[in-house]
Amino acid sequence: MSTVFIISAPSGSGKSTLVSRLLCGDRGLTFSVSYTTRKPRGSEVDGQAYHFIERTEFECRLRKCEFLEHAEVFGNYYGTHVSSLQAAKTAGKDLLLDIDVQGAAQLKKRIPDAVTIFVLPPSKETLEQRLRARSQDSDEVIRRRLADAANEIRNYRLYDYVLVNEDLDLAEQTLISIVRAERVRRVRVEDKIRPILETFGQVEP
């Protein structure tokens, strides 16, 4: 049984760094590479950051119901292909997704037992400082990202966990703890419990 972990956060909250650290230290996780119609940025490589496809191809796949979730953001489509979950199940691994609030809500409806985690910056001021420190965006884009962040943060109650990323190392350890705890929920380990019960002559119906 593969557990699906969904992580969402406003741009600049440190989500990508946390995801990268989590994946490096947990071989039981596989990352879902989303499909998008936007163009690659900088040194982004197709198949690593995203699967980059044309809008017409995305819409064709959409009509065929190939996506677990999808959203249109700033004029570009983003989506999680069904093959991501199938591949994780085949490999016997859990699936980690880095998707926005729209996508998380869609996916939670399709997979109710998915674990959702929202990463918060400690304040708007800190978020703005982090966005400016990246030196990637214009003032206009930063203002738009901050406005989007305000809208996204309103949805934090829809998530199972809220992680405030004030200290990166502490946030990483908390994220690791969430993943480990979810893996031993009774409903996720029933197949391991039954053989133990049988050794005691107890078999649950």
Protein backbone atom coordinates (compact mmCIF):
# COMPACT_ATOMS: atom_id res chain seq x y z
CA MET A 1 0.00 0.00 0.00
CA SER A 2 1.48 3.33 -1.07
CA THR A 3 0.82 6.36 1.10
CA VAL A 4 0.41 9.62 -0.80
CA PHE A 5 2.00 12.70 0.80
CA ILE A 6 0.97 16.11 -0.52
CA ILE A 7 3.00 19.22 0.31
CA SER A 8 1.75 22.71 -0.53
CA ALA A 9 3.10 26.15 0.29
CA PRO A 10 3.31 29.71 -1.02
CA SER A 11 6.25 30.34 -3.33
CA GLY A 12 9.31 31.23 -1.25
CA SER A 13 8.31 29.27 1.85
CA GLY A 14 11.21 26.83 1.48
CA LYS A 15 9.03 23.94 0.34
CA SER A 16 11.35 22.83 -2.48
CA THR A 17 14.33 22.68 -0.11
CA LEU A 18 12.36 20.64 2.41
CA VAL A 19 11.14 18.26 -0.28
CA SER A 20 14.68 17.82 -1.60
CA ARG A 21 16.06 17.06 1.87
CA LEU A 22 13.24 14.63 2.64
CA LEU A 23 13.80 12.71 -0.60
CA CYS A 24 17.56 12.52 -0.06
CA GLY A 25 17.11 10.89 3.34
CA ASP A 26 14.16 8.58 2.63
CA ARG A 27 14.55 5.84 0.03
CA GLY A 28 10.98 4.73 0.67
CA LEU A 29 9.68 7.84 -1.07
CA THR A 30 9.40 8.57 -4.77
CA PHE A 31 8.67 12.03 -6.15
CA SER A 32 5.89 12.75 -8.61
CA VAL A 33 7.22 14.90 -11.45
CA SER A 34 4.34 17.06 -12.65
CA TYR A 35 3.44 17.84 -16.24
CA THR A 36 3.30 21.48 -17.30
CA THR A 37 2.75 23.59 -20.39
CA ARG A 38 5.09 26.37 -19.25
CA LYS A 39 8.54 26.70 -20.76
CA PRO A 40 11.66 25.48 -18.89
CA ARG A 41 13.46 28.10 -16.79
CA GLY A 42 17.20 28.40 -16.40
CA SER A 43 18.82 24.97 -16.11
CA GLU A 44 15.58 23.00 -15.69
CA VAL A 45 15.75 19.62 -17.41
CA ASP A 46 12.72 17.87 -18.87
CA GLY A 47 11.72 14.91 -16.70
CA GLN A 48 13.43 16.27 -13.58
CA ALA A 49 11.80 19.53 -12.55
CA TYR A 50 8.77 18.90 -14.77
CA HIS A 51 7.64 17.04 -17.84
CA PHE A 52 7.34 19.92 -20.31
CA ILE A 53 4.65 19.42 -22.96
CA GLU A 54 2.64 21.58 -25.36
CA ARG A 55 -0.76 22.91 -24.33
CA THR A 56 -2.54 20.87 -27.03
CA GLU A 57 -0.98 17.65 -25.72
CA PHE A 58 -1.90 18.49 -22.13
CA GLU A 59 -5.51 19.16 -23.10
CA CYS A 60 -5.60 15.91 -25.06
CA ARG A 61 -4.37 13.98 -22.00
CA LEU A 62 -6.87 15.88 -19.88
CA ARG A 63 -9.75 14.73 -22.06
CA LYS A 64 -8.51 11.15 -21.64
CA CYS A 65 -8.64 11.58 -17.82
CA GLU A 66 -4.90 10.88 -17.48
CA PHE A 67 -4.38 13.30 -14.58
CA LEU A 68 -5.07 12.71 -10.89
CA GLU A 69 -5.30 16.47 -10.52
CA HIS A 70 -4.62 19.54 -12.59
CA ALA A 71 -4.73 23.32 -12.35
CA GLU A 72 -4.16 26.32 -14.57
CA VAL A 73 -1.83 28.87 -12.98
CA PHE A 74 -0.77 32.11 -14.68
CA GLY A 75 -1.97 30.77 -18.02
CA ASN A 76 -0.11 27.45 -17.79
CA TYR A 77 -1.42 23.98 -16.98
CA TYR A 78 0.11 21.80 -14.26
CA GLY A 79 -0.95 18.24 -13.50
CA THR A 80 -0.12 14.94 -11.81
CA HIS A 81 -0.26 11.98 -14.17
CA VAL A 82 -1.92 8.77 -13.00
CA SER A 83 1.24 6.85 -13.88
CA SER A 84 3.05 8.47 -10.92
CA LEU A 85 0.91 6.60 -8.41
CA GLN A 86 0.98 3.38 -10.43
CA ALA A 87 4.79 3.48 -10.57
CA ALA A 88 5.04 4.10 -6.81
CA LYS A 89 2.79 1.13 -6.07
CA THR A 90 4.79 -1.11 -8.40
CA ALA A 91 8.04 -0.06 -6.70
CA GLY A 92 6.54 -0.55 -3.22
CA LYS A 93 7.19 3.08 -2.31
CA ASP A 94 5.19 6.02 -0.99
CA LEU A 95 4.47 8.94 -3.30
CA LEU A 96 5.40 12.55 -2.55
CA LEU A 97 3.70 15.38 -4.43
CA ASP A 98 4.58 19.07 -4.48
CA ILE A 99 1.36 20.71 -5.67
CA ASP A 100 -0.69 23.83 -5.05
CA VAL A 101 -3.88 24.26 -3.06
CA GLN A 102 -6.15 23.64 -6.06
CA GLY A 103 -4.43 20.39 -6.94
CA ALA A 104 -4.30 19.23 -3.32
CA ALA A 105 -8.07 19.68 -2.95
CA GLN A 106 -8.73 17.69 -6.13
CA LEU A 107 -6.39 14.89 -5.15
CA LYS A 108 -7.79 14.67 -1.61
CA LYS A 109 -11.22 14.01 -3.12
CA ARG A 110 -9.84 11.19 -5.26
CA ILE A 111 -7.58 9.77 -2.54
CA PRO A 112 -9.21 10.62 0.84
CA ASP A 113 -6.45 8.97 2.90
CA ALA A 114 -3.73 11.10 1.28
CA VAL A 115 -1.68 12.98 3.89
CA THR A 116 -1.67 16.75 3.35
CA ILE A 117 0.99 19.10 4.72
CA PHE A 118 0.98 22.89 4.39
CA VAL A 119 4.24 24.81 4.83
CA LEU A 120 3.90 28.32 6.22
CA PRO A 121 6.51 31.08 6.34
CA PRO A 122 6.82 32.68 9.81
CA SER A 123 5.51 36.01 8.46
CA LYS A 124 4.72 37.97 5.31
CA GLU A 125 7.87 40.03 5.86
CA THR A 126 10.04 36.91 6.00
CA LEU A 127 8.40 35.55 2.86
CA GLU A 128 9.08 38.78 0.98
CA GLN A 129 12.72 38.75 2.14
CA ARG A 130 13.14 35.18 0.86
CA LEU A 131 11.54 36.01 -2.48
CA ARG A 132 13.83 39.02 -2.95
CA ALA A 133 16.90 37.04 -1.86
CA ARG A 134 16.34 34.61 -4.73
CA SER A 135 16.85 37.51 -7.20
CA GLN A 136 14.68 35.71 -9.73
CA ASP A 137 11.58 37.89 -9.89
CA SER A 138 10.71 41.50 -10.64
CA ASP A 139 8.94 43.70 -8.09
CA GLU A 140 5.67 43.14 -9.93
CA VAL A 141 6.05 39.35 -9.79
CA ILE A 142 6.97 39.48 -6.10
CA ARG A 143 3.86 41.55 -5.35
CA ARG A 144 1.77 38.99 -7.24
CA ARG A 145 3.36 36.10 -5.37
CA LEU A 146 2.66 37.77 -2.02
CA ALA A 147 -0.97 38.34 -3.01
CA ASP A 148 -1.23 34.69 -4.09
CA ALA A 149 0.35 33.63 -0.80
CA ALA A 150 -2.34 35.49 1.14
CA ASN A 151 -5.02 33.58 -0.78
CA GLU A 152 -3.30 30.21 -0.40
CA ILE A 153 -2.71 30.60 3.34
CA ARG A 154 -6.47 30.96 3.90
CA ASN A 155 -6.78 27.27 2.97
CA TYR A 156 -4.47 25.96 5.70
CA ARG A 157 -7.41 24.44 7.61
CA LEU A 158 -7.95 21.98 4.75
CA TYR A 159 -4.60 20.31 5.54
CA ASP A 160 -3.80 17.58 8.04
CA TYR A 161 -0.57 19.22 9.17
CA VAL A 162 0.72 22.80 9.17
CA LEU A 163 4.48 23.22 9.34
CA VAL A 164 5.98 26.67 10.05
CA ASN A 165 9.34 26.91 8.32
CA GLU A 166 11.20 29.33 10.56
CA ASP A 167 14.23 27.12 11.23
CA LEU A 168 15.01 24.93 8.22
CA ASP A 169 16.66 22.08 10.15
CA LEU A 170 13.83 21.93 12.67
CA ALA A 171 11.23 22.03 9.89
CA GLU A 172 13.02 19.17 8.13
CA GLN A 173 13.01 17.01 11.26
CA THR A 174 9.33 17.74 11.84
CA LEU A 175 8.52 16.76 8.26
CA ILE A 176 10.46 13.51 8.65
CA SER A 177 8.53 12.78 11.85
CA ILE A 178 5.19 13.31 10.10
CA VAL A 179 6.12 10.85 7.35
CA ARG A 180 7.34 8.24 9.83
CA ALA A 181 4.25 8.57 12.04
CA GLU A 182 1.84 8.26 9.12
CA ARG A 183 3.53 5.07 7.96
CA VAL A 184 2.62 3.27 11.19
CA ARG A 185 -1.05 4.25 11.31
CA ARG A 186 -3.03 1.08 11.95
CA VAL A 187 -4.98 1.31 8.70
CA ARG A 188 -1.73 1.41 6.74
CA VAL A 189 -0.13 -1.63 8.38
CA GLU A 190 -3.03 -4.08 8.62
CA ASP A 191 -1.29 -6.45 6.19
CA LYS A 192 1.69 -6.63 8.58
CA ILE A 193 -0.47 -7.03 11.68
CA ARG A 194 -2.46 -10.06 10.52
CA PRO A 195 0.49 -12.48 10.30
CA ILE A 196 1.51 -11.49 13.85
CA LEU A 197 -2.00 -12.10 15.16
CA GLU A 198 -2.04 -15.50 13.49
CA THR A 199 1.01 -16.57 15.49
CA PHE A 200 -1.10 -15.97 18.61
CA GLY A 201 -4.02 -17.90 17.16
CA GLN A 202 -5.98 -14.71 16.60
CA VAL A 203 -7.36 -13.92 13.18
CA GLU A 204 -9.44 -10.80 12.71
CA PRO A 205 -12.52 -11.09 10.47
